[in-house]
Amino acid sequence: MIPTQNEATPTSKAAAGAAATDAERVAAEIGTDVGRQLGEAVGAATGQAAARVAEETVDQLKAQASERLTALRQRTLEPLTSSLGEVRAFTRQHPLASVGCAVGLGYLLGLRPRPS
């Protein structure tokens, strides 16, 4: 007897059940794979965003450090430059006293104890 549309044999019911189970398994695998790929994409995007933020932060810190070093250099060099000008002026006005100071300083440095 040939089954009609409304009638199904136990074998066809089993086959349909197996097909449904296989379809569910494949759908679950696809869902898992899509979820994994989506997670990787989000992770990569998050990593890229974090790298971008880190780069911007490093750039800001570099700029701040550069500004601070420039300010420190100016604060340090201004007194030294003015002191150097004063020493040059004194040397020109009193050349013998300058030579005497240099000789005395050299003598005192020569007397200091030397490390063993």
C-alpha atoms as a PDB file:
ATOM      1  CA  MET A   1       0.000   0.000   0.000  1.00  0.00           C
ATOM      2  CA  ILE A   2       1.275   3.442  -0.884  1.00  0.00           C
ATOM      3  CA  PRO A   3       0.920   6.015   1.882  1.00  0.00           C
ATOM      4  CA  THR A   4      -1.189   9.054   1.121  1.00  0.00           C
ATOM      5  CA  GLN A   5      -0.341  12.586   2.076  1.00  0.00           C
ATOM      6  CA  ASN A   6      -2.118  12.316   5.392  1.00  0.00           C
ATOM      7  CA  GLU A   7      -0.649   8.946   6.210  1.00  0.00           C
ATOM      8  CA  ALA A   8       3.033   8.524   7.068  1.00  0.00           C
ATOM      9  CA  THR A   9       4.911   5.320   7.664  1.00  0.00           C
ATOM     10  CA  PRO A  10       6.992   4.874  10.809  1.00  0.00           C
ATOM     11  CA  THR A  11      10.090   4.925   8.626  1.00  0.00           C
ATOM     12  CA  SER A  12       9.216   8.266   7.081  1.00  0.00           C
ATOM     13  CA  LYS A  13       8.371   9.656  10.520  1.00  0.00           C
ATOM     14  CA  ALA A  14      11.762   8.511  11.803  1.00  0.00           C
ATOM     15  CA  ALA A  15      13.491   9.982   8.758  1.00  0.00           C
ATOM     16  CA  ALA A  16      11.631  13.254   9.215  1.00  0.00           C
ATOM     17  CA  GLY A  17      12.549  13.288  12.910  1.00  0.00           C
ATOM     18  CA  ALA A  18      16.194  12.577  12.093  1.00  0.00           C
ATOM     19  CA  ALA A  19      16.181  15.308   9.452  1.00  0.00           C
ATOM     20  CA  ALA A  20      14.666  17.742  11.926  1.00  0.00           C
ATOM     21  CA  THR A  21      17.265  16.791  14.528  1.00  0.00           C
ATOM     22  CA  ASP A  22      20.047  17.225  11.951  1.00  0.00           C
ATOM     23  CA  ALA A  23      18.589  20.577  10.916  1.00  0.00           C
ATOM     24  CA  GLU A  24      18.486  21.707  14.551  1.00  0.00           C
ATOM     25  CA  ARG A  25      22.083  20.550  15.084  1.00  0.00           C
ATOM     26  CA  VAL A  26      23.275  22.352  11.942  1.00  0.00           C
ATOM     27  CA  ALA A  27      21.364  25.497  12.961  1.00  0.00           C
ATOM     28  CA  ALA A  28      22.965  25.329  16.403  1.00  0.00           C
ATOM     29  CA  GLU A  29      26.411  24.893  14.861  1.00  0.00           C
ATOM     30  CA  ILE A  30      25.799  27.812  12.513  1.00  0.00           C
ATOM     31  CA  GLY A  31      24.538  29.906  15.411  1.00  0.00           C
ATOM     32  CA  THR A  32      27.582  28.992  17.465  1.00  0.00           C
ATOM     33  CA  ASP A  33      29.903  29.757  14.556  1.00  0.00           C
ATOM     34  CA  VAL A  34      28.200  33.075  13.822  1.00  0.00           C
ATOM     35  CA  GLY A  35      28.306  33.936  17.510  1.00  0.00           C
ATOM     36  CA  ARG A  36      32.016  33.096  17.668  1.00  0.00           C
ATOM     37  CA  GLN A  37      32.759  35.145  14.550  1.00  0.00           C
ATOM     38  CA  LEU A  38      30.691  38.033  15.863  1.00  0.00           C
ATOM     39  CA  GLY A  39      32.500  37.824  19.182  1.00  0.00           C
ATOM     40  CA  GLU A  40      35.851  37.861  17.416  1.00  0.00           C
ATOM     41  CA  ALA A  41      34.786  40.846  15.315  1.00  0.00           C
ATOM     42  CA  VAL A  42      33.577  42.734  18.383  1.00  0.00           C
ATOM     43  CA  GLY A  43      36.762  41.787  20.221  1.00  0.00           C
ATOM     44  CA  ALA A  44      38.884  42.993  17.313  1.00  0.00           C
ATOM     45  CA  ALA A  45      36.924  46.238  17.102  1.00  0.00           C
ATOM     46  CA  THR A  46      37.215  46.694  20.852  1.00  0.00           C
ATOM     47  CA  GLY A  47      40.930  45.948  20.648  1.00  0.00           C
ATOM     48  CA  GLN A  48      41.327  48.458  17.837  1.00  0.00           C
ATOM     49  CA  ALA A  49      39.401  51.066  19.791  1.00  0.00           C
ATOM     50  CA  ALA A  50      41.514  50.377  22.864  1.00  0.00           C
ATOM     51  CA  ALA A  51      44.676  50.660  20.782  1.00  0.00           C
ATOM     52  CA  ARG A  52      43.422  53.958  19.352  1.00  0.00           C
ATOM     53  CA  VAL A  53      42.668  55.295  22.837  1.00  0.00           C
ATOM     54  CA  ALA A  54      46.079  54.126  24.067  1.00  0.00           C
ATOM     55  CA  GLU A  55      47.787  55.872  21.135  1.00  0.00           C
ATOM     56  CA  GLU A  56      45.906  59.094  21.820  1.00  0.00           C
ATOM     57  CA  THR A  57      46.809  58.897  25.501  1.00  0.00           C
ATOM     58  CA  VAL A  58      50.468  58.323  24.710  1.00  0.00           C
ATOM     59  CA  ASP A  59      50.429  61.267  22.294  1.00  0.00           C
ATOM     60  CA  GLN A  60      48.877  63.488  24.956  1.00  0.00           C
ATOM     61  CA  LEU A  61      51.463  62.378  27.518  1.00  0.00           C
ATOM     62  CA  LYS A  62      54.260  63.042  25.036  1.00  0.00           C
ATOM     63  CA  ALA A  63      52.934  66.543  24.400  1.00  0.00           C
ATOM     64  CA  GLN A  64      52.667  67.236  28.139  1.00  0.00           C
ATOM     65  CA  ALA A  65      56.176  65.920  28.761  1.00  0.00           C
ATOM     66  CA  SER A  66      57.543  68.017  25.904  1.00  0.00           C
ATOM     67  CA  GLU A  67      55.865  71.151  27.267  1.00  0.00           C
ATOM     68  CA  ARG A  68      57.171  70.492  30.756  1.00  0.00           C
ATOM     69  CA  LEU A  69      60.714  69.832  29.518  1.00  0.00           C
ATOM     70  CA  THR A  70      60.648  73.010  27.452  1.00  0.00           C
ATOM     71  CA  ALA A  71      59.507  75.004  30.487  1.00  0.00           C
ATOM     72  CA  LEU A  72      62.149  73.340  32.674  1.00  0.00           C
ATOM     73  CA  ARG A  73      64.847  74.071  30.108  1.00  0.00           C
ATOM     74  CA  GLN A  74      63.852  77.720  29.976  1.00  0.00           C
ATOM     75  CA  ARG A  75      63.780  78.017  33.778  1.00  0.00           C
ATOM     76  CA  THR A  76      67.186  76.343  33.994  1.00  0.00           C
ATOM     77  CA  LEU A  77      68.950  78.040  31.105  1.00  0.00           C
ATOM     78  CA  GLU A  78      67.884  81.610  31.893  1.00  0.00           C
ATOM     79  CA  PRO A  79      69.776  81.799  35.210  1.00  0.00           C
ATOM     80  CA  LEU A  80      72.777  79.999  33.730  1.00  0.00           C
ATOM     81  CA  THR A  81      72.860  82.301  30.728  1.00  0.00           C
ATOM     82  CA  SER A  82      72.660  85.401  32.904  1.00  0.00           C
ATOM     83  CA  SER A  83      75.341  83.982  35.243  1.00  0.00           C
ATOM     84  CA  LEU A  84      77.592  83.223  32.298  1.00  0.00           C
ATOM     85  CA  GLY A  85      77.184  86.814  31.109  1.00  0.00           C
ATOM     86  CA  GLU A  86      78.143  88.083  34.562  1.00  0.00           C
ATOM     87  CA  VAL A  87      81.247  85.844  34.668  1.00  0.00           C
ATOM     88  CA  ARG A  88      82.340  87.054  31.225  1.00  0.00           C
ATOM     89  CA  ALA A  89      81.850  90.671  32.246  1.00  0.00           C
ATOM     90  CA  PHE A  90      83.848  90.153  35.460  1.00  0.00           C
ATOM     91  CA  THR A  91      86.631  88.369  33.530  1.00  0.00           C
ATOM     92  CA  ARG A  92      86.910  91.259  31.067  1.00  0.00           C
ATOM     93  CA  GLN A  93      86.949  93.851  33.823  1.00  0.00           C
ATOM     94  CA  HIS A  94      89.374  91.952  36.111  1.00  0.00           C
ATOM     95  CA  PRO A  95      91.551  89.608  34.026  1.00  0.00           C
ATOM     96  CA  LEU A  96      94.315  89.107  36.656  1.00  0.00           C
ATOM     97  CA  ALA A  97      91.838  88.346  39.431  1.00  0.00           C
ATOM     98  CA  SER A  98      90.134  85.842  37.131  1.00  0.00           C
ATOM     99  CA  VAL A  99      93.415  84.055  36.440  1.00  0.00           C
ATOM    100  CA  GLY A 100      94.223  84.073  40.182  1.00  0.00           C
ATOM    101  CA  CYS A 101      90.793  82.556  40.958  1.00  0.00           C
ATOM    102  CA  ALA A 102      91.291  79.868  38.315  1.00  0.00           C
ATOM    103  CA  VAL A 103      94.761  78.962  39.664  1.00  0.00           C
ATOM    104  CA  GLY A 104      93.499  78.853  43.264  1.00  0.00           C
ATOM    105  CA  LEU A 105      90.518  76.701  42.316  1.00  0.00           C
ATOM    106  CA  GLY A 106      92.793  74.313  40.407  1.00  0.00           C
ATOM    107  CA  TYR A 107      95.128  74.059  43.401  1.00  0.00           C
ATOM    108  CA  LEU A 108      92.233  73.309  45.789  1.00  0.00           C
ATOM    109  CA  LEU A 109      90.837  70.669  43.437  1.00  0.00           C
ATOM    110  CA  GLY A 110      94.292  69.094  43.263  1.00  0.00           C
ATOM    111  CA  LEU A 111      94.435  68.788  47.072  1.00  0.00           C
ATOM    112  CA  ARG A 112      91.212  66.878  47.430  1.00  0.00           C
ATOM    113  CA  PRO A 113      91.504  63.201  48.357  1.00  0.00           C
ATOM    114  CA  ARG A 114      91.401  60.781  45.484  1.00  0.00           C
ATOM    115  CA  PRO A 115      89.306  57.614  45.554  1.00  0.00           C
ATOM    116  CA  SER A 116      91.299  54.415  45.968  1.00  0.00           C
END
